[in-house]
């Protein structure tokens, strides 16, 4: 924490604040004694050093992110899984007490048992149909996957029950309060991490566009808020985040809305980004992009100056939807960050971790992303996906719910019905 700007000279810190500062590697912060205005980035004496570190980390993160996007859907899903593991690790450690853990050997392993059980359940539900589509041509694998899907839910249930019994059998006298608080904390982490990241994975397989655009808007909003606050920020925005300013918030909102409109036009022209992935293969995608991704042309009004280079402008219909995503990313999603700030203050920590220099931990970067991912999925399902039944939807239900013999019987019956109709019409 910065010292008070009004101090006349160096002083020797004492008391609990000094003890917190002397703890090497600690992410704890001392109680606030400065006013909000003293801690704005505009007045931060170390802001240029902080900005350099943050910029360096950001460049590496964006470079790695772009590389994974290029590799495709499965690699993006793998990235989400890795992020989930890091988030869970940071949150598990938040309430961990080393002294109590030494008296409970294997207790940390129980947390991860619940974590991977929930992972199996969530992704099994989301990706089961795509796994079926991947192995349809192999009769043995098709039957094996069909069995796994059929007993998927009961398998996950008994894995959870095994963890529940494990927890009960390891209860130790004088440790009950700690164990039950950790049990409840573990379940809250699983709800926060998996409920929201499940929507992220669903967005990925609906089309990388619906994952990449919302995620990019959060990054742009965060960077723009930092830059505007860095150079112009003078008016504190919210006490939970003392370095956030109205100037940064408003400037970032305009930047995010403009970026949403422009990025949607750029991303919407690549089938690799817009096509949904119906299986778990890694091949290149080609599909009919649909009306949302087919350009509409608008003539520029006569009153536009002659130096304006375009007389006709091409706009994708999805760009109007992108404005809604941009509005949410700039106005509502930042409250995920405010919530995380309040949470960290409740536990008197600066960051959830220190895995990303200048940014904190993975959880510190994902607070707004999780809120955005849920909205993007709900918006896509409510306003983008057609509500009427399609051939693809019917085929998905047939492949998922009917056995191979039932599918063959259905095929035969449909052939008879079609033949009868043809003869009837002739």
Protein backbone atom coordinates (compact mmCIF):
# COMPACT_ATOMS: atom_id res chain seq x y z
CA UNK A 1 0.00 0.00 0.00
CA UNK A 2 1.17 3.50 -0.72
CA UNK A 3 2.08 5.69 2.18
CA UNK A 4 0.10 8.84 2.86
CA UNK A 5 1.06 11.50 0.32
CA UNK A 6 1.01 14.13 3.03
CA UNK A 7 3.70 12.56 5.22
CA UNK A 8 6.64 14.84 5.89
CA UNK A 9 9.41 12.25 5.94
CA UNK A 10 10.28 8.61 6.53
CA UNK A 11 8.86 6.90 9.55
CA UNK A 12 9.31 3.53 11.14
CA UNK A 13 6.13 1.45 10.82
CA UNK A 14 5.00 -0.47 13.85
CA UNK A 15 2.07 -2.54 15.01
CA UNK A 16 0.00 -5.03 12.95
CA UNK A 17 0.50 -3.06 9.73
CA UNK A 18 4.29 -3.48 9.94
CA UNK A 19 3.95 -7.18 10.69
CA UNK A 20 1.80 -7.62 7.61
CA UNK A 21 4.34 -5.78 5.47
CA UNK A 22 7.26 -7.83 6.74
CA UNK A 23 5.68 -11.16 5.80
CA UNK A 24 7.55 -12.23 2.68
CA UNK A 25 5.34 -13.14 -0.24
CA UNK A 26 2.14 -12.35 1.63
CA UNK A 27 -0.81 -11.08 -0.33
CA UNK A 28 -2.46 -9.65 2.76
CA UNK A 29 -3.06 -5.92 2.97
CA UNK A 30 -3.27 -3.69 5.97
CA UNK A 31 -6.45 -1.84 6.89
CA UNK A 32 -7.04 1.24 4.78
CA UNK A 33 -5.88 4.54 6.21
CA UNK A 34 -5.68 6.65 3.02
CA UNK A 35 -8.49 8.43 1.30
CA UNK A 36 -9.62 7.17 -2.07
CA UNK A 37 -8.09 10.11 -3.88
CA UNK A 38 -4.59 9.34 -2.57
CA UNK A 39 -4.66 5.91 -4.15
CA UNK A 40 -5.82 6.80 -7.66
CA UNK A 41 -3.50 5.67 -10.45
CA UNK A 42 -3.28 9.31 -11.49
CA UNK A 43 -1.49 10.05 -8.19
CA UNK A 44 0.38 6.77 -7.80
CA UNK A 45 4.13 7.45 -7.62
CA UNK A 46 5.00 3.92 -8.82
CA UNK A 47 2.44 3.82 -11.61
CA UNK A 48 4.93 3.75 -14.53
CA UNK A 49 6.78 0.74 -13.13
CA UNK A 50 3.47 -0.99 -12.45
CA UNK A 51 2.26 -0.20 -15.95
CA UNK A 52 5.42 -1.66 -17.53
CA UNK A 53 5.06 -4.95 -15.63
CA UNK A 54 1.34 -5.13 -16.37
CA UNK A 55 1.91 -4.39 -20.09
CA UNK A 56 4.59 -7.09 -20.38
CA UNK A 57 2.31 -9.70 -18.80
CA UNK A 58 -0.64 -8.58 -20.93
CA UNK A 59 1.33 -8.99 -24.17
CA UNK A 60 2.32 -12.53 -23.21
CA UNK A 61 -1.24 -13.43 -22.20
CA UNK A 62 -2.76 -12.05 -25.41
CA UNK A 63 -0.10 -13.81 -27.53
CA UNK A 64 -0.76 -17.16 -25.87
CA UNK A 65 -4.52 -16.63 -26.08
CA UNK A 66 -4.40 -15.90 -29.82
CA UNK A 67 -2.28 -19.01 -30.43
CA UNK A 68 -4.78 -21.22 -28.61
CA UNK A 69 -7.69 -19.67 -30.51
CA UNK A 70 -5.94 -20.54 -33.77
CA UNK A 71 -5.56 -24.18 -32.71
CA UNK A 72 -9.31 -24.57 -32.34
CA UNK A 73 -12.19 -25.62 -30.14
CA UNK A 74 -10.59 -28.53 -28.25
CA UNK A 75 -7.53 -26.50 -27.32
CA UNK A 76 -9.69 -23.62 -26.12
CA UNK A 77 -11.64 -26.07 -23.98
CA UNK A 78 -8.35 -27.41 -22.59
CA UNK A 79 -7.36 -23.82 -21.76
CA UNK A 80 -10.62 -23.35 -19.85
CA UNK A 81 -9.94 -26.55 -17.88
CA UNK A 82 -6.45 -25.34 -16.95
CA UNK A 83 -7.88 -21.98 -15.86
CA UNK A 84 -10.46 -23.79 -13.73
CA UNK A 85 -7.74 -25.82 -12.00
CA UNK A 86 -5.72 -22.69 -11.20
CA UNK A 87 -8.82 -20.87 -9.97
CA UNK A 88 -9.79 -23.78 -7.74
CA UNK A 89 -6.24 -23.99 -6.37
CA UNK A 90 -6.21 -20.26 -5.50
CA UNK A 91 -9.63 -20.42 -3.86
CA UNK A 92 -8.90 -23.65 -1.97
CA UNK A 93 -5.79 -22.01 -0.51
CA UNK A 94 -7.71 -18.91 0.56
CA UNK A 95 -9.07 -20.47 3.76
CA UNK A 96 -6.41 -23.10 4.17
CA UNK A 97 -4.72 -23.37 7.56
CA UNK A 98 -1.43 -25.25 7.53
CA UNK A 99 -1.60 -26.30 11.20
CA UNK A 100 -5.03 -27.91 10.80
CA UNK A 101 -4.09 -29.54 7.48
CA UNK A 102 -1.14 -31.28 9.09
CA UNK A 103 -3.57 -32.99 11.43
CA UNK A 104 -5.80 -34.07 8.54
CA UNK A 105 -3.70 -36.06 6.06
CA UNK A 106 -5.49 -36.49 2.72
CA UNK A 107 -8.01 -33.75 3.43
CA UNK A 108 -6.76 -31.59 0.51
CA UNK A 109 -7.05 -34.61 -1.78
CA UNK A 110 -10.75 -34.77 -0.91
CA UNK A 111 -11.22 -31.25 -2.29
CA UNK A 112 -9.77 -32.30 -5.62
CA UNK A 113 -11.88 -35.48 -5.63
CA UNK A 114 -15.01 -33.33 -5.55
CA UNK A 115 -13.51 -30.99 -8.15
CA UNK A 116 -12.82 -33.69 -10.75
CA UNK A 117 -16.15 -35.40 -10.02
CA UNK A 118 -18.01 -32.20 -10.84
CA UNK A 119 -15.80 -31.69 -13.90
CA UNK A 120 -16.74 -35.16 -15.18
CA UNK A 121 -20.42 -34.44 -14.61
CA UNK A 122 -20.51 -30.98 -16.20
CA UNK A 123 -18.45 -31.75 -19.28
CA UNK A 124 -20.04 -35.13 -19.70
CA UNK A 125 -23.42 -33.42 -20.00
CA UNK A 126 -22.17 -30.70 -22.36
CA UNK A 127 -20.00 -32.78 -24.68
CA UNK A 128 -21.74 -36.17 -24.72
CA UNK A 129 -23.54 -35.59 -28.02
CA UNK A 130 -20.39 -34.29 -29.70
CA UNK A 131 -18.53 -37.38 -28.50
CA UNK A 132 -21.25 -39.56 -30.06
CA UNK A 133 -20.94 -37.66 -33.35
CA UNK A 134 -17.17 -38.24 -33.30
CA UNK A 135 -17.39 -42.05 -33.04
CA UNK A 136 -20.55 -42.67 -35.10
CA UNK A 137 -18.66 -44.47 -37.87
CA UNK A 138 -17.01 -46.98 -35.50
CA UNK A 139 -19.56 -49.51 -34.27
CA UNK A 140 -17.53 -50.68 -31.25
CA UNK A 141 -16.68 -47.18 -30.05
CA UNK A 142 -20.25 -46.08 -30.69
CA UNK A 143 -21.60 -48.80 -28.40
CA UNK A 144 -18.94 -48.10 -25.77
CA UNK A 145 -19.63 -44.35 -25.75
CA UNK A 146 -23.36 -45.06 -25.65
CA UNK A 147 -22.86 -47.15 -22.49
CA UNK A 148 -20.69 -44.49 -20.89
CA UNK A 149 -23.28 -41.80 -21.59
CA UNK A 150 -26.11 -43.97 -20.31
CA UNK A 151 -24.39 -44.53 -16.96
CA UNK A 152 -22.64 -41.16 -16.81
CA UNK A 153 -24.99 -39.62 -14.25
CA UNK A 154 -25.04 -42.60 -11.89
CA UNK A 155 -21.23 -42.84 -12.10
CA UNK A 156 -20.84 -39.21 -11.10
CA UNK A 157 -23.39 -39.63 -8.33
CA UNK A 158 -21.55 -42.53 -6.73
CA UNK A 159 -18.23 -40.72 -7.08
CA UNK A 160 -19.75 -37.86 -5.15
CA UNK A 161 -21.23 -40.23 -2.54
CA UNK A 162 -17.77 -41.81 -2.16
CA UNK A 163 -16.36 -38.35 -1.41
CA UNK A 164 -19.20 -37.65 1.00
CA UNK A 165 -18.52 -40.88 2.91
CA UNK A 166 -14.79 -40.13 2.82
CA UNK A 167 -15.47 -36.79 4.45
CA UNK A 168 -17.68 -38.33 7.19
CA UNK A 169 -15.16 -41.06 7.97
CA UNK A 170 -12.30 -38.55 8.34
CA UNK A 171 -14.09 -36.26 10.81
CA UNK A 172 -11.77 -35.67 13.72
CA UNK A 173 -12.57 -34.50 17.23
CA UNK A 174 -11.85 -30.79 17.86
CA UNK A 175 -11.54 -30.30 14.09
CA UNK A 176 -15.23 -30.44 13.21
CA UNK A 177 -15.68 -26.71 12.67
CA UNK A 178 -12.68 -26.43 10.37
CA UNK A 179 -13.63 -29.54 8.38
CA UNK A 180 -17.25 -28.53 7.87
CA UNK A 181 -16.27 -24.98 6.92
CA UNK A 182 -13.84 -26.40 4.34
CA UNK A 183 -16.54 -28.76 3.06
CA UNK A 184 -18.95 -25.85 2.55
CA UNK A 185 -16.19 -23.68 1.06
CA UNK A 186 -15.30 -26.43 -1.43
CA UNK A 187 -18.89 -26.67 -2.64
CA UNK A 188 -19.18 -22.92 -3.03
CA UNK A 189 -15.99 -22.91 -5.12
CA UNK A 190 -17.36 -25.68 -7.33
CA UNK A 191 -20.59 -23.74 -7.89
CA UNK A 192 -18.76 -20.52 -8.74
CA UNK A 193 -16.14 -22.13 -10.98
CA UNK A 194 -18.20 -24.74 -12.83
CA UNK A 195 -21.61 -23.14 -13.09
CA UNK A 196 -20.18 -20.21 -14.99
CA UNK A 197 -17.35 -21.89 -16.90
CA UNK A 198 -19.83 -24.47 -18.21
CA UNK A 199 -21.46 -21.62 -20.13
CA UNK A 200 -18.04 -20.68 -21.49
CA UNK A 201 -17.51 -24.16 -22.93
CA UNK A 202 -21.02 -24.18 -24.38
CA UNK A 203 -20.24 -20.86 -26.11
CA UNK A 204 -17.02 -22.31 -27.58
CA UNK A 205 -18.79 -25.18 -29.30
CA UNK A 206 -21.62 -22.94 -30.52
CA UNK A 207 -18.92 -21.11 -32.46
CA UNK A 208 -15.62 -19.62 -31.34
CA UNK A 209 -17.09 -16.22 -32.23
CA UNK A 210 -19.49 -16.42 -29.26
CA UNK A 211 -16.59 -17.11 -26.92
CA UNK A 212 -13.91 -14.90 -28.45
CA UNK A 213 -15.92 -11.69 -28.89
CA UNK A 214 -17.26 -11.50 -25.29
CA UNK A 215 -13.85 -12.45 -23.86
CA UNK A 216 -12.11 -9.83 -26.02
CA UNK A 217 -14.55 -7.13 -24.94
CA UNK A 218 -13.77 -7.77 -21.28
CA UNK A 219 -10.03 -7.53 -21.99
CA UNK A 220 -10.51 -4.33 -23.99
CA UNK A 221 -12.71 -2.82 -21.28
CA UNK A 222 -10.15 -3.67 -18.60
CA UNK A 223 -7.22 -2.25 -20.58
CA UNK A 224 -9.14 0.88 -21.60
CA UNK A 225 -10.29 1.52 -18.03
CA UNK A 226 -6.69 1.21 -16.86
CA UNK A 227 -5.36 3.58 -19.55
CA UNK A 228 -8.07 6.24 -19.12
CA UNK A 229 -7.75 6.02 -15.35
CA UNK A 230 -3.96 6.14 -15.64
CA UNK A 231 -3.90 9.41 -17.59
CA UNK A 232 -7.19 11.13 -16.71
CA UNK A 233 -8.58 9.50 -13.58
CA UNK A 234 -9.43 11.96 -10.81
CA UNK A 235 -12.92 11.06 -9.59
CA UNK A 236 -13.21 7.84 -7.50
CA UNK A 237 -15.84 5.44 -8.80
CA UNK A 238 -16.48 2.99 -5.96
CA UNK A 239 -14.94 2.46 -2.53
CA UNK A 240 -14.51 -1.28 -3.10
CA UNK A 241 -11.93 -0.50 -5.82
CA UNK A 242 -10.23 2.75 -4.78
CA UNK A 243 -8.14 3.01 -7.96
CA UNK A 244 -11.19 2.82 -10.26
CA UNK A 245 -12.38 6.21 -11.53
CA UNK A 246 -15.38 7.60 -13.37
CA UNK A 247 -13.07 8.82 -16.12
CA UNK A 248 -11.72 5.30 -16.60
CA UNK A 249 -15.19 3.74 -16.46
CA UNK A 250 -16.74 6.12 -19.01
CA UNK A 251 -13.75 6.10 -21.34
CA UNK A 252 -13.64 2.29 -21.27
CA UNK A 253 -17.38 2.11 -22.03
CA UNK A 254 -16.99 4.11 -25.24
CA UNK A 255 -13.90 2.13 -26.26
CA UNK A 256 -15.67 -1.18 -25.61
CA UNK A 257 -18.78 -0.26 -27.63
CA UNK A 258 -16.72 0.86 -30.62
CA UNK A 259 -14.53 -2.24 -30.38
CA UNK A 260 -17.58 -4.53 -30.21
CA UNK A 261 -18.97 -3.11 -33.46
CA UNK A 262 -15.64 -3.29 -35.30
CA UNK A 263 -14.48 -6.67 -33.98
CA UNK A 264 -17.80 -8.34 -34.81
CA UNK A 265 -17.34 -7.28 -38.44
CA UNK A 266 -13.79 -8.67 -38.55
CA UNK A 267 -14.44 -11.94 -36.69
CA UNK A 268 -17.75 -12.56 -38.44
CA UNK A 269 -16.03 -12.98 -41.81
CA UNK A 270 -14.09 -16.12 -40.77
CA UNK A 271 -15.97 -19.41 -40.93
CA UNK A 272 -13.41 -20.93 -38.57
CA UNK A 273 -14.79 -18.60 -35.89
CA UNK A 274 -18.49 -18.66 -36.75
CA UNK A 275 -19.18 -22.33 -37.49
CA UNK A 276 -20.38 -24.47 -34.55
CA UNK A 277 -18.40 -27.60 -33.74
CA UNK A 278 -20.71 -30.64 -33.75
CA UNK A 279 -18.05 -33.20 -32.81
CA UNK A 280 -14.69 -33.41 -31.00
CA UNK A 281 -12.47 -33.46 -34.06
CA UNK A 282 -9.83 -30.83 -34.83
CA UNK A 283 -10.36 -30.43 -38.57
CA UNK A 284 -11.01 -27.16 -40.36
CA UNK A 285 -14.64 -26.06 -40.38
CA UNK A 286 -16.81 -25.00 -43.30
CA UNK A 287 -20.50 -24.20 -43.04
CA UNK A 288 -23.24 -21.88 -44.19
CA UNK A 289 -22.56 -18.81 -42.02
CA UNK A 290 -26.25 -17.92 -41.81
CA UNK A 291 -27.92 -14.57 -42.30
CA UNK A 292 -26.24 -13.02 -39.24
CA UNK A 293 -22.83 -13.29 -40.89
CA UNK A 294 -23.81 -12.26 -44.43
CA UNK A 295 -23.03 -8.60 -45.13
CA UNK A 296 -25.72 -6.02 -45.80
CA UNK A 297 -24.76 -2.91 -47.76
CA UNK A 298 -25.74 0.62 -46.86
CA UNK A 299 -25.22 3.70 -49.04
CA UNK A 300 -23.44 6.59 -47.35
CA UNK A 301 -25.64 9.73 -47.09
CA UNK A 302 -24.89 12.59 -49.49
CA UNK A 303 -24.00 14.97 -46.67
CA UNK A 304 -20.89 12.90 -45.81
CA UNK A 305 -17.71 14.82 -46.77
CA UNK A 306 -16.09 13.93 -50.08
CA UNK A 307 -12.83 12.94 -48.44
CA UNK A 308 -14.66 10.00 -46.78
CA UNK A 309 -13.24 7.02 -48.74
CA UNK A 310 -16.33 4.78 -48.79
CA UNK A 311 -19.58 5.47 -50.61
CA UNK A 312 -21.05 2.13 -49.53
CA UNK A 313 -20.59 0.47 -46.14
CA UNK A 314 -20.84 -3.26 -45.48
CA UNK A 315 -22.33 -4.22 -42.09
CA UNK A 316 -22.95 -7.71 -40.72
CA UNK A 317 -26.27 -8.06 -38.86
CA UNK A 318 -24.39 -9.68 -35.96
CA UNK A 319 -22.71 -6.30 -35.35
CA UNK A 320 -25.95 -4.96 -33.87
CA UNK A 321 -26.01 -7.88 -31.45
CA UNK A 322 -22.37 -7.17 -30.67
CA UNK A 323 -23.39 -3.72 -29.43
CA UNK A 324 -25.57 -5.41 -26.78
CA UNK A 325 -22.62 -7.54 -25.72
CA UNK A 326 -20.43 -4.44 -25.61
CA UNK A 327 -22.97 -2.58 -23.49
CA UNK A 328 -23.07 -5.43 -20.98
CA UNK A 329 -19.27 -5.76 -20.97
CA UNK A 330 -18.82 -2.07 -20.20
CA UNK A 331 -21.68 -1.46 -17.73
CA UNK A 332 -22.57 -4.73 -15.97
CA UNK A 333 -19.56 -7.04 -16.23
CA UNK A 334 -17.26 -4.70 -14.21
CA UNK A 335 -19.44 -5.44 -11.20
CA UNK A 336 -17.90 -8.91 -11.23
CA UNK A 337 -14.61 -7.18 -10.54
CA UNK A 338 -16.19 -5.03 -7.82
CA UNK A 339 -17.58 -8.19 -6.21
CA UNK A 340 -14.11 -9.76 -6.27
CA UNK A 341 -12.64 -6.59 -4.75
CA UNK A 342 -15.15 -6.70 -1.90
CA UNK A 343 -14.45 -10.40 -1.43
CA UNK A 344 -10.70 -9.79 -1.18
CA UNK A 345 -11.24 -6.97 1.30
CA UNK A 346 -13.37 -9.27 3.44
CA UNK A 347 -10.41 -11.67 3.66
CA UNK A 348 -7.81 -8.85 3.85
CA UNK A 349 -5.84 -9.98 0.80
CA UNK A 350 -4.52 -7.95 -2.13
CA UNK A 351 -4.87 -10.64 -4.82
CA UNK A 352 -6.12 -14.21 -5.07
CA UNK A 353 -2.64 -15.28 -6.16
CA UNK A 354 0.57 -14.09 -7.79
CA UNK A 355 0.81 -16.28 -10.89
CA UNK A 356 0.51 -13.33 -13.33
CA UNK A 357 2.98 -10.47 -12.65
CA UNK A 358 1.19 -7.15 -12.36
CA UNK A 359 -2.26 -8.78 -12.46
CA UNK A 360 -2.39 -11.08 -9.44
CA UNK A 361 -3.79 -14.57 -9.81
CA UNK A 362 -5.88 -16.30 -12.47
CA UNK A 363 -9.03 -15.63 -10.44
CA UNK A 364 -8.28 -11.90 -10.48
CA UNK A 365 -8.41 -11.98 -14.30
CA UNK A 366 -11.53 -14.15 -14.55
CA UNK A 367 -13.98 -12.30 -12.30
CA UNK A 368 -15.58 -10.25 -15.09
CA UNK A 369 -15.09 -12.99 -17.70
CA UNK A 370 -17.33 -15.38 -15.79
CA UNK A 371 -20.18 -12.87 -15.58
CA UNK A 372 -19.78 -12.11 -19.29
CA UNK A 373 -19.75 -15.78 -20.32
CA UNK A 374 -23.12 -16.43 -18.69
CA UNK A 375 -24.70 -13.40 -20.35
CA UNK A 376 -23.23 -14.30 -23.76
CA UNK A 377 -24.70 -17.82 -23.56
CA UNK A 378 -28.12 -16.62 -22.41
CA UNK A 379 -28.19 -13.90 -25.07
CA UNK A 380 -27.17 -16.37 -27.79
CA UNK A 381 -29.81 -18.90 -26.78
CA UNK A 382 -32.53 -16.26 -26.39
CA UNK A 383 -31.96 -14.00 -29.40
CA UNK A 384 -29.70 -15.87 -31.85
CA UNK A 385 -30.55 -19.58 -31.89
CA UNK A 386 -33.75 -20.27 -33.86
CA UNK A 387 -36.49 -21.65 -31.65
CA UNK A 388 -38.04 -23.95 -34.26
CA UNK A 389 -36.90 -27.55 -34.65
CA UNK A 390 -34.23 -28.18 -37.25
CA UNK A 391 -32.96 -31.35 -38.92
CA UNK A 392 -29.75 -31.08 -36.89
CA UNK A 393 -31.67 -30.87 -33.61
CA UNK A 394 -33.83 -33.88 -34.50
CA UNK A 395 -30.78 -35.90 -35.55
CA UNK A 396 -29.02 -34.99 -32.30
CA UNK A 397 -31.96 -36.35 -30.30
CA UNK A 398 -32.08 -39.54 -32.37
CA UNK A 399 -28.37 -40.23 -31.99
CA UNK A 400 -28.36 -39.43 -28.29
CA UNK A 401 -31.49 -41.27 -27.12
CA UNK A 402 -31.94 -44.24 -29.47
CA UNK A 403 -29.89 -47.43 -29.62
CA UNK A 404 -28.35 -48.60 -32.88
CA UNK A 405 -31.16 -51.12 -33.41
CA UNK A 406 -33.82 -48.46 -32.73
CA UNK A 407 -32.16 -46.11 -35.19
CA UNK A 408 -32.16 -48.85 -37.83
CA UNK A 409 -35.86 -49.54 -37.18
CA UNK A 410 -36.62 -45.82 -37.46
CA UNK A 411 -34.67 -45.66 -40.74
CA UNK A 412 -36.68 -48.57 -42.15
CA UNK A 413 -40.00 -47.09 -41.02
CA UNK A 414 -39.19 -43.69 -42.51
CA UNK A 415 -38.26 -45.39 -45.80
CA UNK A 416 -41.66 -47.14 -45.88
CA UNK A 417 -43.52 -43.89 -45.13
CA UNK A 418 -41.65 -42.00 -47.87
CA UNK A 419 -42.29 -44.77 -50.40
CA UNK A 420 -46.01 -44.84 -49.55
CA UNK A 421 -46.22 -41.04 -50.02
CA UNK A 422 -44.45 -41.22 -53.36
CA UNK A 423 -46.80 -43.94 -54.65
CA UNK A 424 -49.82 -42.08 -53.26
CA UNK A 425 -48.87 -38.85 -55.06
CA UNK A 426 -48.22 -40.67 -58.35
